Amino acid sequence: MVAWLSDASAMQKASAARLAAHVAQVNRRRAARQEIHADTLMTDREGRLSGVRLLNLSEDGFMAITDMDQCEREPIRIDMPIVGWVRADIVWVLGERIGAAFREALTPLQMGAIVRDVSR
């Protein structure tokens, strides 16, 4: 019986450690995002073009509003200011809002140039 309690306690500690690591990762991710407001274009896998409004940006992805129906894991291309067309994958969809991850992260120089350009 004592061994079982010991195993359960070890599992709880491991779960707590994983949760703490996840929270730290989420906090780092949020800290790296820049709030922006820029209108641009996006295409889906069939090449359908739609307008989007970028709301925030990081080197790894973005959040935007679009009126085009999207699905999670759908590949897209987005015309990023300064940088041009970039490939990404939809990570989440909530109504008109989408979150996407770039297939190749933006460099810090690209990120800075985009933020400066849309902040004018």
C-alpha atoms as a PDB file:
ATOM      1  CA  MET A   1       0.000   0.000   0.000  1.00  0.00           C
ATOM      2  CA  VAL A   2       2.786   2.438   0.876  1.00  0.00           C
ATOM      3  CA  ALA A   3       4.524   1.722  -2.458  1.00  0.00           C
ATOM      4  CA  TRP A   4       1.308   2.550  -4.303  1.00  0.00           C
ATOM      5  CA  LEU A   5       1.000   5.902  -2.479  1.00  0.00           C
ATOM      6  CA  SER A   6       4.637   6.609  -3.264  1.00  0.00           C
ATOM      7  CA  ASP A   7       4.019   5.899  -6.977  1.00  0.00           C
ATOM      8  CA  ALA A   8       0.924   8.137  -6.988  1.00  0.00           C
ATOM      9  CA  SER A   9       2.858  10.945  -5.325  1.00  0.00           C
ATOM     10  CA  ALA A  10       5.652  10.638  -7.895  1.00  0.00           C
ATOM     11  CA  MET A  11       3.102  10.754 -10.725  1.00  0.00           C
ATOM     12  CA  GLN A  12       1.505  13.896  -9.236  1.00  0.00           C
ATOM     13  CA  LYS A  13       4.907  15.577  -8.957  1.00  0.00           C
ATOM     14  CA  ALA A  14       5.723  14.672 -12.572  1.00  0.00           C
ATOM     15  CA  SER A  15       2.344  16.022 -13.733  1.00  0.00           C
ATOM     16  CA  ALA A  16       2.888  19.229 -11.790  1.00  0.00           C
ATOM     17  CA  ALA A  17       6.342  19.637 -13.345  1.00  0.00           C
ATOM     18  CA  ARG A  18       4.922  19.137 -16.865  1.00  0.00           C
ATOM     19  CA  LEU A  19       2.158  21.652 -16.153  1.00  0.00           C
ATOM     20  CA  ALA A  20       4.660  24.205 -14.839  1.00  0.00           C
ATOM     21  CA  ALA A  21       6.824  23.753 -17.945  1.00  0.00           C
ATOM     22  CA  HIS A  22       3.777  24.193 -20.193  1.00  0.00           C
ATOM     23  CA  VAL A  23       2.703  27.385 -18.383  1.00  0.00           C
ATOM     24  CA  ALA A  24       6.229  28.779 -18.694  1.00  0.00           C
ATOM     25  CA  GLN A  25       6.247  27.974 -22.418  1.00  0.00           C
ATOM     26  CA  VAL A  26       2.863  29.663 -22.934  1.00  0.00           C
ATOM     27  CA  ASN A  27       4.048  32.748 -21.049  1.00  0.00           C
ATOM     28  CA  ARG A  28       7.201  32.965 -23.208  1.00  0.00           C
ATOM     29  CA  ARG A  29       5.072  32.587 -26.350  1.00  0.00           C
ATOM     30  CA  ARG A  30       2.738  35.374 -25.308  1.00  0.00           C
ATOM     31  CA  ALA A  31       5.594  37.669 -24.361  1.00  0.00           C
ATOM     32  CA  ALA A  32       7.116  37.336 -27.832  1.00  0.00           C
ATOM     33  CA  ARG A  33       3.977  38.582 -29.636  1.00  0.00           C
ATOM     34  CA  GLN A  34       3.577  42.104 -30.980  1.00  0.00           C
ATOM     35  CA  GLU A  35       0.141  43.651 -31.295  1.00  0.00           C
ATOM     36  CA  ILE A  36      -0.278  45.008 -34.812  1.00  0.00           C
ATOM     37  CA  HIS A  37      -3.110  46.122 -37.069  1.00  0.00           C
ATOM     38  CA  ALA A  38      -2.559  45.549 -40.765  1.00  0.00           C
ATOM     39  CA  ASP A  39      -4.826  44.544 -43.622  1.00  0.00           C
ATOM     40  CA  THR A  40      -3.401  42.046 -46.093  1.00  0.00           C
ATOM     41  CA  LEU A  41      -4.294  39.031 -48.258  1.00  0.00           C
ATOM     42  CA  MET A  42      -4.356  35.287 -47.656  1.00  0.00           C
ATOM     43  CA  THR A  43      -4.924  32.277 -49.927  1.00  0.00           C
ATOM     44  CA  ASP A  44      -6.186  28.847 -48.959  1.00  0.00           C
ATOM     45  CA  ARG A  45      -5.054  25.508 -50.413  1.00  0.00           C
ATOM     46  CA  GLU A  46      -7.361  25.972 -53.444  1.00  0.00           C
ATOM     47  CA  GLY A  47      -5.876  29.391 -54.156  1.00  0.00           C
ATOM     48  CA  ARG A  48      -8.979  31.331 -53.061  1.00  0.00           C
ATOM     49  CA  LEU A  49      -7.968  34.850 -52.062  1.00  0.00           C
ATOM     50  CA  SER A  50      -9.416  36.661 -49.059  1.00  0.00           C
ATOM     51  CA  GLY A  51      -8.692  39.764 -47.053  1.00  0.00           C
ATOM     52  CA  VAL A  52      -7.390  39.424 -43.501  1.00  0.00           C
ATOM     53  CA  ARG A  53      -6.608  41.820 -40.691  1.00  0.00           C
ATOM     54  CA  LEU A  54      -3.504  40.909 -38.718  1.00  0.00           C
ATOM     55  CA  LEU A  55      -3.974  41.432 -34.975  1.00  0.00           C
ATOM     56  CA  ASN A  56      -0.731  40.131 -33.558  1.00  0.00           C
ATOM     57  CA  LEU A  57       2.509  38.701 -34.797  1.00  0.00           C
ATOM     58  CA  SER A  58       5.458  36.700 -33.543  1.00  0.00           C
ATOM     59  CA  GLU A  59       8.407  35.133 -35.305  1.00  0.00           C
ATOM     60  CA  ASP A  60       6.493  31.834 -35.224  1.00  0.00           C
ATOM     61  CA  GLY A  61       2.992  32.891 -36.292  1.00  0.00           C
ATOM     62  CA  PHE A  62       0.105  35.323 -36.168  1.00  0.00           C
ATOM     63  CA  MET A  63      -3.488  35.916 -35.160  1.00  0.00           C
ATOM     64  CA  ALA A  64      -5.876  37.473 -37.668  1.00  0.00           C
ATOM     65  CA  ILE A  65      -9.518  38.076 -38.517  1.00  0.00           C
ATOM     66  CA  THR A  66     -10.841  36.721 -41.814  1.00  0.00           C
ATOM     67  CA  ASP A  67     -14.245  36.225 -43.372  1.00  0.00           C
ATOM     68  CA  MET A  68     -13.093  33.082 -45.219  1.00  0.00           C
ATOM     69  CA  ASP A  69     -14.075  29.791 -43.577  1.00  0.00           C
ATOM     70  CA  GLN A  70     -10.951  28.061 -42.292  1.00  0.00           C
ATOM     71  CA  CYS A  71     -10.167  24.687 -40.749  1.00  0.00           C
ATOM     72  CA  GLU A  72      -7.470  23.769 -38.259  1.00  0.00           C
ATOM     73  CA  ARG A  73      -4.319  22.384 -39.901  1.00  0.00           C
ATOM     74  CA  GLU A  74      -5.257  23.954 -43.251  1.00  0.00           C
ATOM     75  CA  PRO A  75      -2.234  25.189 -45.200  1.00  0.00           C
ATOM     76  CA  ILE A  76      -2.386  28.834 -46.247  1.00  0.00           C
ATOM     77  CA  ARG A  77      -0.195  31.574 -47.692  1.00  0.00           C
ATOM     78  CA  ILE A  78      -0.290  35.108 -46.323  1.00  0.00           C
ATOM     79  CA  ASP A  79       1.122  38.280 -47.858  1.00  0.00           C
ATOM     80  CA  MET A  80       3.126  39.680 -44.951  1.00  0.00           C
ATOM     81  CA  PRO A  81       3.977  43.381 -45.169  1.00  0.00           C
ATOM     82  CA  ILE A  82       7.582  43.956 -46.319  1.00  0.00           C
ATOM     83  CA  VAL A  83       8.337  40.196 -46.435  1.00  0.00           C
ATOM     84  CA  GLY A  84       5.863  39.030 -49.091  1.00  0.00           C
ATOM     85  CA  TRP A  85       4.060  35.688 -49.373  1.00  0.00           C
ATOM     86  CA  VAL A  86       4.747  33.290 -46.485  1.00  0.00           C
ATOM     87  CA  ARG A  87       3.487  29.722 -45.968  1.00  0.00           C
ATOM     88  CA  ALA A  88       1.679  28.897 -42.727  1.00  0.00           C
ATOM     89  CA  ASP A  89      -0.737  26.392 -41.227  1.00  0.00           C
ATOM     90  CA  ILE A  90      -3.933  27.260 -39.342  1.00  0.00           C
ATOM     91  CA  VAL A  91      -3.514  26.158 -35.718  1.00  0.00           C
ATOM     92  CA  TRP A  92      -6.859  27.241 -34.299  1.00  0.00           C
ATOM     93  CA  VAL A  93     -10.129  28.809 -35.441  1.00  0.00           C
ATOM     94  CA  LEU A  94     -12.575  30.730 -33.253  1.00  0.00           C
ATOM     95  CA  GLY A  95     -15.351  32.352 -35.279  1.00  0.00           C
ATOM     96  CA  GLU A  96     -13.677  34.842 -37.622  1.00  0.00           C
ATOM     97  CA  ARG A  97     -10.380  34.701 -35.695  1.00  0.00           C
ATOM     98  CA  ILE A  98      -7.580  32.373 -36.681  1.00  0.00           C
ATOM     99  CA  GLY A  99      -4.183  31.569 -35.287  1.00  0.00           C
ATOM    100  CA  ALA A 100      -1.516  30.278 -37.639  1.00  0.00           C
ATOM    101  CA  ALA A 101       2.050  29.015 -37.390  1.00  0.00           C
ATOM    102  CA  PHE A 102       4.586  29.921 -40.055  1.00  0.00           C
ATOM    103  CA  ARG A 103       6.233  26.938 -41.718  1.00  0.00           C
ATOM    104  CA  GLU A 104       9.534  28.825 -41.520  1.00  0.00           C
ATOM    105  CA  ALA A 105       9.858  31.302 -38.664  1.00  0.00           C
ATOM    106  CA  LEU A 106      10.404  34.955 -39.435  1.00  0.00           C
ATOM    107  CA  THR A 107      13.847  36.252 -38.602  1.00  0.00           C
ATOM    108  CA  PRO A 108      14.152  38.960 -35.941  1.00  0.00           C
ATOM    109  CA  LEU A 109      15.034  41.405 -38.743  1.00  0.00           C
ATOM    110  CA  GLN A 110      11.881  40.514 -40.714  1.00  0.00           C
ATOM    111  CA  MET A 111       9.757  40.762 -37.583  1.00  0.00           C
ATOM    112  CA  GLY A 112      11.176  44.184 -36.742  1.00  0.00           C
ATOM    113  CA  ALA A 113      10.683  45.444 -40.297  1.00  0.00           C
ATOM    114  CA  ILE A 114       7.033  44.328 -40.361  1.00  0.00           C
ATOM    115  CA  VAL A 115       6.250  45.911 -36.983  1.00  0.00           C
ATOM    116  CA  ARG A 116       7.939  49.178 -37.997  1.00  0.00           C
ATOM    117  CA  ASP A 117       6.112  49.234 -41.341  1.00  0.00           C
ATOM    118  CA  VAL A 118       2.623  48.685 -39.919  1.00  0.00           C
ATOM    119  CA  SER A 119       3.217  51.091 -37.012  1.00  0.00           C
ATOM    120  CA  ARG A 120       3.559  54.124 -39.297  1.00  0.00           C
END
